[in-house]
Amino acid sequence: MKQIEVQIMGQSYLLGCPDGGEAQLREAVERVDAAMCKIRDAGKVKARDRIAVLASLNLAFDLAAQQAAAAAAPVAAPATAAATDSSDADPKAAQLIQRLDQALAGDGHLL
């Protein structure tokens, strides 16, 4: 495993990276950096740890929404055991999205 240095919100981090995963890790870093900078630039939150928590919640919300949309889309392939296992998680994802929607008060973002 190699290490790469990245910048998130102006701070350097040395991260372990699996072989062949550098592009994927850098893309993830870009997403986190953009999400954190957006919250910081809005000026409502100053503490780096709070910015990180809010950014991670926003990213998790977006991921849950994408997964729910993908689960709701019709599947052309026949059902498999893996597909059956993921459908068991759908009610939990829907419940999480509903609770987040209520907490977000309609604008789709925590800030």
PDB file of N, CA and C in Angstrom:
ATOM      1  N   MET A   1       0.857  -1.173   0.000  1.00  0.00           N
ATOM      2  CA  MET A   1       0.000   0.000   0.000  1.00  0.00           C
ATOM      3  C   MET A   1       0.901   1.233   0.000  1.00  0.00           C
ATOM      4  N   LYS A   2       0.623   2.128  -0.940  1.00  0.00           N
ATOM      5  CA  LYS A   2       1.421   3.346  -0.983  1.00  0.00           C
ATOM      6  C   LYS A   2       0.682   4.472  -0.279  1.00  0.00           C
ATOM      7  N   GLN A   3       1.385   5.541  -0.011  1.00  0.00           N
ATOM      8  CA  GLN A   3       0.787   6.702   0.642  1.00  0.00           C
ATOM      9  C   GLN A   3       0.808   7.869  -0.331  1.00  0.00           C
ATOM     10  N   ILE A   4      -0.276   8.642  -0.295  1.00  0.00           N
ATOM     11  CA  ILE A   4      -0.332   9.842  -1.115  1.00  0.00           C
ATOM     12  C   ILE A   4      -0.698  11.020  -0.221  1.00  0.00           C
ATOM     13  N   GLU A   5      -0.177  12.172  -0.573  1.00  0.00           N
ATOM     14  CA  GLU A   5      -0.487  13.393   0.162  1.00  0.00           C
ATOM     15  C   GLU A   5      -1.580  14.138  -0.573  1.00  0.00           C
ATOM     16  N   VAL A   6      -2.589  14.559   0.184  1.00  0.00           N
ATOM     17  CA  VAL A   6      -3.720  15.289  -0.393  1.00  0.00           C
ATOM     18  C   VAL A   6      -3.992  16.525   0.452  1.00  0.00           C
ATOM     19  N   GLN A   7      -4.770  17.427  -0.115  1.00  0.00           N
ATOM     20  CA  GLN A   7      -5.180  18.640   0.589  1.00  0.00           C
ATOM     21  C   GLN A   7      -6.699  18.629   0.710  1.00  0.00           C
ATOM     22  N   ILE A   8      -7.191  18.833   1.923  1.00  0.00           N
ATOM     23  CA  ILE A   8      -8.618  18.988   2.156  1.00  0.00           C
ATOM     24  C   ILE A   8      -8.807  20.273   2.942  1.00  0.00           C
ATOM     25  N   MET A   9      -9.507  21.197   2.348  1.00  0.00           N
ATOM     26  CA  MET A   9      -9.768  22.503   2.939  1.00  0.00           C
ATOM     27  C   MET A   9      -8.471  23.157   3.426  1.00  0.00           C
ATOM     28  N   GLY A  10      -7.437  23.060   2.574  1.00  0.00           N
ATOM     29  CA  GLY A  10      -6.173  23.712   2.851  1.00  0.00           C
ATOM     30  C   GLY A  10      -5.255  22.982   3.812  1.00  0.00           C
ATOM     31  N   GLN A  11      -5.650  21.835   4.308  1.00  0.00           N
ATOM     32  CA  GLN A  11      -4.833  21.085   5.250  1.00  0.00           C
ATOM     33  C   GLN A  11      -4.333  19.806   4.577  1.00  0.00           C
ATOM     34  N   SER A  12      -3.052  19.495   4.781  1.00  0.00           N
ATOM     35  CA  SER A  12      -2.450  18.308   4.171  1.00  0.00           C
ATOM     36  C   SER A  12      -2.745  17.059   4.983  1.00  0.00           C
ATOM     37  N   TYR A  13      -2.992  15.982   4.263  1.00  0.00           N
ATOM     38  CA  TYR A  13      -3.213  14.671   4.873  1.00  0.00           C
ATOM     39  C   TYR A  13      -2.404  13.647   4.100  1.00  0.00           C
ATOM     40  N   LEU A  14      -1.780  12.719   4.799  1.00  0.00           N
ATOM     41  CA  LEU A  14      -1.068  11.620   4.195  1.00  0.00           C
ATOM     42  C   LEU A  14      -1.954  10.386   4.344  1.00  0.00           C
ATOM     43  N   LEU A  15      -2.422   9.861   3.221  1.00  0.00           N
ATOM     44  CA  LEU A  15      -3.396   8.775   3.242  1.00  0.00           C
ATOM     45  C   LEU A  15      -2.811   7.508   2.649  1.00  0.00           C
ATOM     46  N   GLY A  16      -3.152   6.379   3.249  1.00  0.00           N
ATOM     47  CA  GLY A  16      -2.800   5.099   2.675  1.00  0.00           C
ATOM     48  C   GLY A  16      -3.710   4.820   1.499  1.00  0.00           C
ATOM     49  N   CYS A  17      -3.141   4.268   0.441  1.00  0.00           N
ATOM     50  CA  CYS A  17      -3.905   4.042  -0.775  1.00  0.00           C
ATOM     51  C   CYS A  17      -3.596   2.647  -1.312  1.00  0.00           C
ATOM     52  N   PRO A  18      -4.624   1.821  -1.513  1.00  0.00           N
ATOM     53  CA  PRO A  18      -4.374   0.487  -2.077  1.00  0.00           C
ATOM     54  C   PRO A  18      -3.865   0.591  -3.505  1.00  0.00           C
ATOM     55  N   ASP A  19      -3.115  -0.401  -3.919  1.00  0.00           N
ATOM     56  CA  ASP A  19      -2.587  -0.430  -5.278  1.00  0.00           C
ATOM     57  C   ASP A  19      -3.732  -0.310  -6.276  1.00  0.00           C
ATOM     58  N   GLY A  20      -3.577   0.582  -7.243  1.00  0.00           N
ATOM     59  CA  GLY A  20      -4.582   0.780  -8.273  1.00  0.00           C
ATOM     60  C   GLY A  20      -5.755   1.649  -7.845  1.00  0.00           C
ATOM     61  N   GLY A  21      -5.752   2.154  -6.629  1.00  0.00           N
ATOM     62  CA  GLY A  21      -6.882   2.933  -6.148  1.00  0.00           C
ATOM     63  C   GLY A  21      -6.635   4.415  -6.044  1.00  0.00           C
ATOM     64  N   GLU A  22      -5.521   4.894  -6.568  1.00  0.00           N
ATOM     65  CA  GLU A  22      -5.174   6.309  -6.410  1.00  0.00           C
ATOM     66  C   GLU A  22      -6.193   7.243  -7.059  1.00  0.00           C
ATOM     67  N   ALA A  23      -6.627   6.945  -8.261  1.00  0.00           N
ATOM     68  CA  ALA A  23      -7.592   7.824  -8.942  1.00  0.00           C
ATOM     69  C   ALA A  23      -8.903   7.886  -8.169  1.00  0.00           C
ATOM     70  N   GLN A  24      -9.356   6.750  -7.689  1.00  0.00           N
ATOM     71  CA  GLN A  24     -10.609   6.706  -6.932  1.00  0.00           C
ATOM     72  C   GLN A  24     -10.476   7.468  -5.616  1.00  0.00           C
ATOM     73  N   LEU A  25      -9.328   7.330  -4.949  1.00  0.00           N
ATOM     74  CA  LEU A  25      -9.108   8.052  -3.693  1.00  0.00           C
ATOM     75  C   LEU A  25      -9.035   9.551  -3.934  1.00  0.00           C
ATOM     76  N   ARG A  26      -8.347   9.955  -4.986  1.00  0.00           N
ATOM     77  CA  ARG A  26      -8.259  11.391  -5.297  1.00  0.00           C
ATOM     78  C   ARG A  26      -9.633  11.967  -5.637  1.00  0.00           C
ATOM     79  N   GLU A  27     -10.459  11.204  -6.316  1.00  0.00           N
ATOM     80  CA  GLU A  27     -11.817  11.662  -6.622  1.00  0.00           C
ATOM     81  C   GLU A  27     -12.621  11.837  -5.332  1.00  0.00           C
ATOM     82  N   ALA A  28     -12.471  10.899  -4.413  1.00  0.00           N
ATOM     83  CA  ALA A  28     -13.162  11.008  -3.128  1.00  0.00           C
ATOM     84  C   ALA A  28     -12.683  12.230  -2.362  1.00  0.00           C
ATOM     85  N   VAL A  29     -11.379  12.478  -2.378  1.00  0.00           N
ATOM     86  CA  VAL A  29     -10.812  13.654  -1.703  1.00  0.00           C
ATOM     87  C   VAL A  29     -11.383  14.930  -2.310  1.00  0.00           C
ATOM     88  N   GLU A  30     -11.502  14.972  -3.634  1.00  0.00           N
ATOM     89  CA  GLU A  30     -12.063  16.157  -4.298  1.00  0.00           C
ATOM     90  C   GLU A  30     -13.505  16.399  -3.865  1.00  0.00           C
ATOM     91  N   ARG A  31     -14.277  15.326  -3.745  1.00  0.00           N
ATOM     92  CA  ARG A  31     -15.670  15.472  -3.305  1.00  0.00           C
ATOM     93  C   ARG A  31     -15.749  15.999  -1.877  1.00  0.00           C
ATOM     94  N   VAL A  32     -14.941  15.431  -1.000  1.00  0.00           N
ATOM     95  CA  VAL A  32     -14.949  15.863   0.405  1.00  0.00           C
ATOM     96  C   VAL A  32     -14.480  17.307   0.511  1.00  0.00           C
ATOM     97  N   ASP A  33     -13.408  17.644  -0.203  1.00  0.00           N
ATOM     98  CA  ASP A  33     -12.884  19.012  -0.165  1.00  0.00           C
ATOM     99  C   ASP A  33     -13.935  20.004  -0.666  1.00  0.00           C
ATOM    100  N   ALA A  34     -14.587  19.672  -1.772  1.00  0.00           N
ATOM    101  CA  ALA A  34     -15.611  20.577  -2.319  1.00  0.00           C
ATOM    102  C   ALA A  34     -16.775  20.748  -1.347  1.00  0.00           C
ATOM    103  N   ALA A  35     -17.208  19.648  -0.737  1.00  0.00           N
ATOM    104  CA  ALA A  35     -18.330  19.715   0.211  1.00  0.00           C
ATOM    105  C   ALA A  35     -17.960  20.547   1.432  1.00  0.00           C
ATOM    106  N   MET A  36     -16.758  20.360   1.952  1.00  0.00           N
ATOM    107  CA  MET A  36     -16.328  21.113   3.136  1.00  0.00           C
ATOM    108  C   MET A  36     -16.132  22.592   2.808  1.00  0.00           C
ATOM    109  N   CYS A  37     -15.528  22.886   1.670  1.00  0.00           N
ATOM    110  CA  CYS A  37     -15.306  24.289   1.291  1.00  0.00           C
ATOM    111  C   CYS A  37     -16.628  25.013   1.071  1.00  0.00           C
ATOM    112  N   LYS A  38     -17.614  24.331   0.508  1.00  0.00           N
ATOM    113  CA  LYS A  38     -18.924  24.936   0.288  1.00  0.00           C
ATOM    114  C   LYS A  38     -19.550  25.348   1.625  1.00  0.00           C
ATOM    115  N   ILE A  39     -19.467  24.482   2.617  1.00  0.00           N
ATOM    116  CA  ILE A  39     -20.023  24.793   3.941  1.00  0.00           C
ATOM    117  C   ILE A  39     -19.238  25.931   4.583  1.00  0.00           C
ATOM    118  N   ARG A  40     -17.918  25.852   4.515  1.00  0.00           N
ATOM    119  CA  ARG A  40     -17.078  26.917   5.089  1.00  0.00           C
ATOM    120  C   ARG A  40     -17.376  28.253   4.432  1.00  0.00           C
ATOM    121  N   ASP A  41     -17.485  28.261   3.114  1.00  0.00           N
ATOM    122  CA  ASP A  41     -17.697  29.501   2.376  1.00  0.00           C
ATOM    123  C   ASP A  41     -19.081  30.098   2.613  1.00  0.00           C
ATOM    124  N   ALA A  42     -20.033  29.264   3.037  1.00  0.00           N
ATOM    125  CA  ALA A  42     -21.360  29.781   3.371  1.00  0.00           C
ATOM    126  C   ALA A  42     -21.296  30.646   4.626  1.00  0.00           C
ATOM    127  N   GLY A  43     -20.251  30.465   5.426  1.00  0.00           N
ATOM    128  CA  GLY A  43     -20.013  31.321   6.582  1.00  0.00           C
ATOM    129  C   GLY A  43     -20.837  31.020   7.814  1.00  0.00           C
ATOM    130  N   LYS A  44     -21.655  29.984   7.772  1.00  0.00           N
ATOM    131  CA  LYS A  44     -22.506  29.684   8.925  1.00  0.00           C
ATOM    132  C   LYS A  44     -21.791  28.856   9.980  1.00  0.00           C
ATOM    133  N   VAL A  45     -20.772  28.101   9.580  1.00  0.00           N
ATOM    134  CA  VAL A  45     -20.062  27.208  10.496  1.00  0.00           C
ATOM    135  C   VAL A  45     -18.572  27.503  10.373  1.00  0.00           C
ATOM    136  N   LYS A  46     -17.901  27.628  11.494  1.00  0.00           N
ATOM    137  CA  LYS A  46     -16.473  27.959  11.483  1.00  0.00           C
ATOM    138  C   LYS A  46     -15.581  26.789  11.878  1.00  0.00           C
ATOM    139  N   ALA A  47     -16.050  25.950  12.805  1.00  0.00           N
ATOM    140  CA  ALA A  47     -15.209  24.871  13.339  1.00  0.00           C
ATOM    141  C   ALA A  47     -15.023  23.773  12.295  1.00  0.00           C
ATOM    142  N   ARG A  48     -13.765  23.411  12.064  1.00  0.00           N
ATOM    143  CA  ARG A  48     -13.422  22.405  11.056  1.00  0.00           C
ATOM    144  C   ARG A  48     -14.108  21.066  11.331  1.00  0.00           C
ATOM    145  N   ASP A  49     -14.192  20.660  12.592  1.00  0.00           N
ATOM    146  CA  ASP A  49     -14.811  19.371  12.891  1.00  0.00           C
ATOM    147  C   ASP A  49     -16.306  19.387  12.581  1.00  0.00           C
ATOM    148  N   ARG A  50     -16.976  20.488  12.847  1.00  0.00           N
ATOM    149  CA  ARG A  50     -18.406  20.596  12.529  1.00  0.00           C
ATOM    150  C   ARG A  50     -18.625  20.635  11.016  1.00  0.00           C
ATOM    151  N   ILE A  51     -17.737  21.325  10.319  1.00  0.00           N
ATOM    152  CA  ILE A  51     -17.805  21.351   8.862  1.00  0.00           C
ATOM    153  C   ILE A  51     -17.655  19.940   8.316  1.00  0.00           C
ATOM    154  N   ALA A  52     -16.710  19.179   8.861  1.00  0.00           N
ATOM    155  CA  ALA A  52     -16.485  17.808   8.401  1.00  0.00           C
ATOM    156  C   ALA A  52     -17.713  16.931   8.651  1.00  0.00           C
ATOM    157  N   VAL A  53     -18.336  17.073   9.808  1.00  0.00           N
ATOM    158  CA  VAL A  53     -19.528  16.277  10.114  1.00  0.00           C
ATOM    159  C   VAL A  53     -20.669  16.637   9.161  1.00  0.00           C
ATOM    160  N   LEU A  54     -20.905  17.916   8.955  1.00  0.00           N
ATOM    161  CA  LEU A  54     -21.984  18.332   8.063  1.00  0.00           C
ATOM    162  C   LEU A  54     -21.722  17.892   6.621  1.00  0.00           C
ATOM    163  N   ALA A  55     -20.479  18.005   6.182  1.00  0.00           N
ATOM    164  CA  ALA A  55     -20.144  17.568   4.825  1.00  0.00           C
ATOM    165  C   ALA A  55     -20.348  16.066   4.680  1.00  0.00           C
ATOM    166  N   SER A  56     -19.942  15.293   5.682  1.00  0.00           N
ATOM    167  CA  SER A  56     -20.115  13.847   5.594  1.00  0.00           C
ATOM    168  C   SER A  56     -21.596  13.474   5.601  1.00  0.00           C
ATOM    169  N   LEU A  57     -22.405  14.188   6.370  1.00  0.00           N
ATOM    170  CA  LEU A  57     -23.846  13.926   6.366  1.00  0.00           C
ATOM    171  C   LEU A  57     -24.462  14.255   5.003  1.00  0.00           C
ATOM    172  N   ASN A  58     -24.066  15.373   4.415  1.00  0.00           N
ATOM    173  CA  ASN A  58     -24.567  15.725   3.088  1.00  0.00           C
ATOM    174  C   ASN A  58     -24.171  14.673   2.048  1.00  0.00           C
ATOM    175  N   LEU A  59     -22.915  14.212   2.098  1.00  0.00           N
ATOM    176  CA  LEU A  59     -22.460  13.200   1.150  1.00  0.00           C
ATOM    177  C   LEU A  59     -23.181  11.871   1.377  1.00  0.00           C
ATOM    178  N   ALA A  60     -23.389  11.498   2.635  1.00  0.00           N
ATOM    179  CA  ALA A  60     -24.108  10.254   2.944  1.00  0.00           C
ATOM    180  C   ALA A  60     -25.556  10.347   2.484  1.00  0.00           C
ATOM    181  N   PHE A  61     -26.166  11.506   2.670  1.00  0.00           N
ATOM    182  CA  PHE A  61     -27.541  11.717   2.209  1.00  0.00           C
ATOM    183  C   PHE A  61     -27.625  11.556   0.692  1.00  0.00           C
ATOM    184  N   ASP A  62     -26.703  12.178  -0.027  1.00  0.00           N
ATOM    185  CA  ASP A  62     -26.686  12.070  -1.484  1.00  0.00           C
ATOM    186  C   ASP A  62     -26.509  10.612  -1.923  1.00  0.00           C
ATOM    187  N   LEU A  63     -25.621   9.888  -1.245  1.00  0.00           N
ATOM    188  CA  LEU A  63     -25.391   8.480  -1.568  1.00  0.00           C
ATOM    189  C   LEU A  63     -26.639   7.648  -1.301  1.00  0.00           C
ATOM    190  N   ALA A  64     -27.293   7.878  -0.171  1.00  0.00           N
ATOM    191  CA  ALA A  64     -28.518   7.134   0.150  1.00  0.00           C
ATOM    192  C   ALA A  64     -29.604   7.425  -0.871  1.00  0.00           C
ATOM    193  N   ALA A  65     -29.713   8.666  -1.310  1.00  0.00           N
ATOM    194  CA  ALA A  65     -30.709   9.024  -2.312  1.00  0.00           C
ATOM    195  C   ALA A  65     -30.404   8.340  -3.644  1.00  0.00           C
ATOM    196  N   GLN A  66     -29.139   8.286  -4.024  1.00  0.00           N
ATOM    197  CA  GLN A  66     -28.748   7.609  -5.263  1.00  0.00           C
ATOM    198  C   GLN A  66     -29.041   6.118  -5.176  1.00  0.00           C
ATOM    199  N   GLN A  67     -28.750   5.518  -4.024  1.00  0.00           N
ATOM    200  CA  GLN A  67     -29.005   4.090  -3.846  1.00  0.00           C
ATOM    201  C   GLN A  67     -30.503   3.799  -3.875  1.00  0.00           C
ATOM    202  N   ALA A  68     -31.291   4.668  -3.276  1.00  0.00           N
ATOM    203  CA  ALA A  68     -32.739   4.478  -3.282  1.00  0.00           C
ATOM    204  C   ALA A  68     -33.282   4.605  -4.702  1.00  0.00           C
ATOM    205  N   ALA A  69     -32.763   5.570  -5.456  1.00  0.00           N
ATOM    206  CA  ALA A  69     -33.202   5.740  -6.841  1.00  0.00           C
ATOM    207  C   ALA A  69     -32.804   4.530  -7.682  1.00  0.00           C
ATOM    208  N   ALA A  70     -31.601   4.019  -7.456  1.00  0.00           N
ATOM    209  CA  ALA A  70     -31.139   2.846  -8.200  1.00  0.00           C
ATOM    210  C   ALA A  70     -31.967   1.618  -7.838  1.00  0.00           C
ATOM    211  N   ALA A  71     -32.335   1.499  -6.577  1.00  0.00           N
ATOM    212  CA  ALA A  71     -33.133   0.359  -6.136  1.00  0.00           C
ATOM    213  C   ALA A  71     -34.551   0.441  -6.704  1.00  0.00           C
ATOM    214  N   ALA A  72     -35.056   1.642  -6.905  1.00  0.00           N
ATOM    215  CA  ALA A  72     -36.404   1.827  -7.430  1.00  0.00           C
ATOM    216  C   ALA A  72     -36.464   1.627  -8.937  1.00  0.00           C
ATOM    217  N   ALA A  73     -35.321   1.758  -9.608  1.00  0.00           N
ATOM    218  CA  ALA A  73     -35.279   1.598 -11.066  1.00  0.00           C
ATOM    219  C   ALA A  73     -35.508   0.137 -11.430  1.00  0.00           C
ATOM    220  N   PRO A  74     -36.229  -0.104 -12.524  1.00  0.00           N
ATOM    221  CA  PRO A  74     -36.444  -1.489 -12.939  1.00  0.00           C
ATOM    222  C   PRO A  74     -35.127  -2.151 -13.327  1.00  0.00           C
ATOM    223  N   VAL A  75     -34.991  -3.412 -12.977  1.00  0.00           N
ATOM    224  CA  VAL A  75     -33.771  -4.169 -13.249  1.00  0.00           C
ATOM    225  C   VAL A  75     -34.049  -5.136 -14.393  1.00  0.00           C
ATOM    226  N   ALA A  76     -33.214  -5.097 -15.440  1.00  0.00           N
ATOM    227  CA  ALA A  76     -33.408  -5.963 -16.594  1.00  0.00           C
ATOM    228  C   ALA A  76     -32.945  -7.387 -16.318  1.00  0.00           C
ATOM    229  N   ALA A  77     -31.917  -7.543 -15.478  1.00  0.00           N
ATOM    230  CA  ALA A  77     -31.366  -8.869 -15.185  1.00  0.00           C
ATOM    231  C   ALA A  77     -32.270  -9.603 -14.206  1.00  0.00           C
ATOM    232  N   PRO A  78     -32.277 -10.922 -14.261  1.00  0.00           N
ATOM    233  CA  PRO A  78     -33.071 -11.679 -13.300  1.00  0.00           C
ATOM    234  C   PRO A  78     -32.550 -11.472 -11.888  1.00  0.00           C
ATOM    235  N   ALA A  79     -33.433 -11.610 -10.921  1.00  0.00           N
ATOM    236  CA  ALA A  79     -33.058 -11.425  -9.516  1.00  0.00           C
ATOM    237  C   ALA A  79     -32.057 -12.486  -9.105  1.00  0.00           C
ATOM    238  N   THR A  80     -31.069 -12.039  -8.320  1.00  0.00           N
ATOM    239  CA  THR A  80     -30.070 -12.963  -7.786  1.00  0.00           C
ATOM    240  C   THR A  80     -30.092 -12.862  -6.282  1.00  0.00           C
ATOM    241  N   ALA A  81     -29.303 -13.694  -5.644  1.00  0.00           N
ATOM    242  CA  ALA A  81     -29.223 -13.645  -4.184  1.00  0.00           C
ATOM    243  C   ALA A  81     -28.708 -12.285  -3.735  1.00  0.00           C
ATOM    244  N   ALA A  82     -27.732 -11.713  -4.451  1.00  0.00           N
ATOM    245  CA  ALA A  82     -27.195 -10.405  -4.073  1.00  0.00           C
ATOM    246  C   ALA A  82     -28.261  -9.330  -4.216  1.00  0.00           C
ATOM    247  N   ALA A  83     -29.045  -9.406  -5.285  1.00  0.00           N
ATOM    248  CA  ALA A  83     -30.101  -8.417  -5.474  1.00  0.00           C
ATOM    249  C   ALA A  83     -31.146  -8.542  -4.388  1.00  0.00           C
ATOM    250  N   THR A  84     -31.443  -9.763  -3.972  1.00  0.00           N
ATOM    251  CA  THR A  84     -32.411  -9.969  -2.902  1.00  0.00           C
ATOM    252  C   THR A  84     -31.898  -9.388  -1.601  1.00  0.00           C
ATOM    253  N   ASP A  85     -30.594  -9.566  -1.327  1.00  0.00           N
ATOM    254  CA  ASP A  85     -30.030  -9.014  -0.095  1.00  0.00           C
ATOM    255  C   ASP A  85     -30.121  -7.504  -0.084  1.00  0.00           C
ATOM    256  N   SER A  86     -29.862  -6.828  -1.212  1.00  0.00           N
ATOM    257  CA  SER A  86     -29.902  -5.364  -1.234  1.00  0.00           C
ATOM    258  C   SER A  86     -31.328  -4.853  -1.086  1.00  0.00           C
ATOM    259  N   SER A  87     -32.325  -5.642  -1.550  1.00  0.00           N
ATOM    260  CA  SER A  87     -33.702  -5.179  -1.403  1.00  0.00           C
ATOM    261  C   SER A  87     -34.132  -5.186   0.054  1.00  0.00           C
ATOM    262  N   ASP A  88     -33.487  -6.024   0.881  1.00  0.00           N
ATOM    263  CA  ASP A  88     -33.788  -6.024   2.310  1.00  0.00           C
ATOM    264  C   ASP A  88     -33.400  -4.702   2.955  1.00  0.00           C
ATOM    265  N   ALA A  89     -32.403  -4.013   2.397  1.00  0.00           N
ATOM    266  CA  ALA A  89     -31.940  -2.748   2.961  1.00  0.00           C
ATOM    267  C   ALA A  89     -32.776  -1.570   2.471  1.00  0.00           C
ATOM    268  N   ASP A  90     -33.569  -1.749   1.419  1.00  0.00           N
ATOM    269  CA  ASP A  90     -34.344  -0.646   0.849  1.00  0.00           C
ATOM    270  C   ASP A  90     -35.261   0.039   1.861  1.00  0.00           C
ATOM    271  N   PRO A  91     -36.018  -0.689   2.685  1.00  0.00           N
ATOM    272  CA  PRO A  91     -36.865   0.005   3.653  1.00  0.00           C
ATOM    273  C   PRO A  91     -36.050   0.848   4.629  1.00  0.00           C
ATOM    274  N   LYS A  92     -34.879   0.372   4.996  1.00  0.00           N
ATOM    275  CA  LYS A  92     -34.023   1.145   5.903  1.00  0.00           C
ATOM    276  C   LYS A  92     -33.528   2.414   5.222  1.00  0.00           C
ATOM    277  N   ALA A  93     -33.135   2.298   3.961  1.00  0.00           N
ATOM    278  CA  ALA A  93     -32.673   3.483   3.220  1.00  0.00           C
ATOM    279  C   ALA A  93     -33.814   4.476   3.052  1.00  0.00           C
ATOM    280  N   ALA A  94     -34.993   3.967   2.727  1.00  0.00           N
ATOM    281  CA  ALA A  94     -36.145   4.857   2.563  1.00  0.00           C
ATOM    282  C   ALA A  94     -36.486   5.560   3.869  1.00  0.00           C
ATOM    283  N   GLN A  95     -36.396   4.826   4.965  1.00  0.00           N
ATOM    284  CA  GLN A  95     -36.679   5.410   6.271  1.00  0.00           C
ATOM    285  C   GLN A  95     -35.636   6.483   6.608  1.00  0.00           C
ATOM    286  N   LEU A  96     -34.364   6.209   6.322  1.00  0.00           N
ATOM    287  CA  LEU A  96     -33.304   7.191   6.560  1.00  0.00           C
ATOM    288  C   LEU A  96     -33.532   8.437   5.715  1.00  0.00           C
ATOM    289  N   ILE A  97     -33.876   8.249   4.459  1.00  0.00           N
ATOM    290  CA  ILE A  97     -34.112   9.396   3.575  1.00  0.00           C
ATOM    291  C   ILE A  97     -35.296  10.216   4.072  1.00  0.00           C
ATOM    292  N   GLN A  98     -36.348   9.547   4.515  1.00  0.00           N
ATOM    293  CA  GLN A  98     -37.511  10.268   5.037  1.00  0.00           C
ATOM    294  C   GLN A  98     -37.133  11.078   6.266  1.00  0.00           C
ATOM    295  N   ARG A  99     -36.357  10.495   7.169  1.00  0.00           N
ATOM    296  CA  ARG A  99     -35.947  11.216   8.376  1.00  0.00           C
ATOM    297  C   ARG A  99     -35.028  12.385   8.026  1.00  0.00           C
ATOM    298  N   LEU A 100     -34.145  12.188   7.061  1.00  0.00           N
ATOM    299  CA  LEU A 100     -33.270  13.281   6.637  1.00  0.00           C
ATOM    300  C   LEU A 100     -34.063  14.382   5.951  1.00  0.00           C
ATOM    301  N   ASP A 101     -35.042  14.000   5.125  1.00  0.00           N
ATOM    302  CA  ASP A 101     -35.890  15.004   4.479  1.00  0.00           C
ATOM    303  C   ASP A 101     -36.569  15.891   5.513  1.00  0.00           C
ATOM    304  N   GLN A 102     -37.063  15.285   6.568  1.00  0.00           N
ATOM    305  CA  GLN A 102     -37.723  16.057   7.622  1.00  0.00           C
ATOM    306  C   GLN A 102     -36.728  16.992   8.299  1.00  0.00           C
ATOM    307  N   ALA A 103     -35.525  16.505   8.551  1.00  0.00           N
ATOM    308  CA  ALA A 103     -34.507  17.310   9.222  1.00  0.00           C
ATOM    309  C   ALA A 103     -33.995  18.432   8.334  1.00  0.00           C
ATOM    310  N   LEU A 104     -33.993  18.220   7.037  1.00  0.00           N
ATOM    311  CA  LEU A 104     -33.433  19.207   6.120  1.00  0.00           C
ATOM    312  C   LEU A 104     -34.403  20.326   5.774  1.00  0.00           C
ATOM    313  N   ALA A 105     -35.633  20.216   6.167  1.00  0.00           N
ATOM    314  CA  ALA A 105     -36.629  21.280   6.019  1.00  0.00           C
ATOM    315  C   ALA A 105     -36.816  21.737   4.571  1.00  0.00           C
ATOM    316  N   GLY A 106     -36.768  20.810   3.637  1.00  0.00           N
ATOM    317  CA  GLY A 106     -37.186  21.119   2.279  1.00  0.00           C
ATOM    318  C   GLY A 106     -36.140  21.606   1.308  1.00  0.00           C
ATOM    319  N   ASP A 107     -34.988  22.134   1.738  1.00  0.00           N
ATOM    320  CA  ASP A 107     -34.049  22.645   0.737  1.00  0.00           C
ATOM    321  C   ASP A 107     -33.026  21.603   0.301  1.00  0.00           C
ATOM    322  N   GLY A 108     -33.019  20.439   0.940  1.00  0.00           N
ATOM    323  CA  GLY A 108     -32.151  19.356   0.526  1.00  0.00           C
ATOM    324  C   GLY A 108     -30.735  19.419   1.059  1.00  0.00           C
ATOM    325  N   HIS A 109     -30.427  20.399   1.860  1.00  0.00           N
ATOM    326  CA  HIS A 109     -29.075  20.508   2.418  1.00  0.00           C
ATOM    327  C   HIS A 109     -29.163  20.908   3.883  1.00  0.00           C
ATOM    328  N   LEU A 110     -28.166  20.474   4.636  1.00  0.00           N
ATOM    329  CA  LEU A 110     -28.147  20.797   6.054  1.00  0.00           C
ATOM    330  C   LEU A 110     -27.897  22.274   6.311  1.00  0.00           C
ATOM    331  N   LEU A 111     -27.246  22.925   5.363  1.00  0.00           N
ATOM    332  CA  LEU A 111     -26.974  24.360   5.512  1.00  0.00           C
ATOM    333  C   LEU A 111     -27.610  25.120   4.391  1.00  0.00           C
TER     334      LEU A 111
END
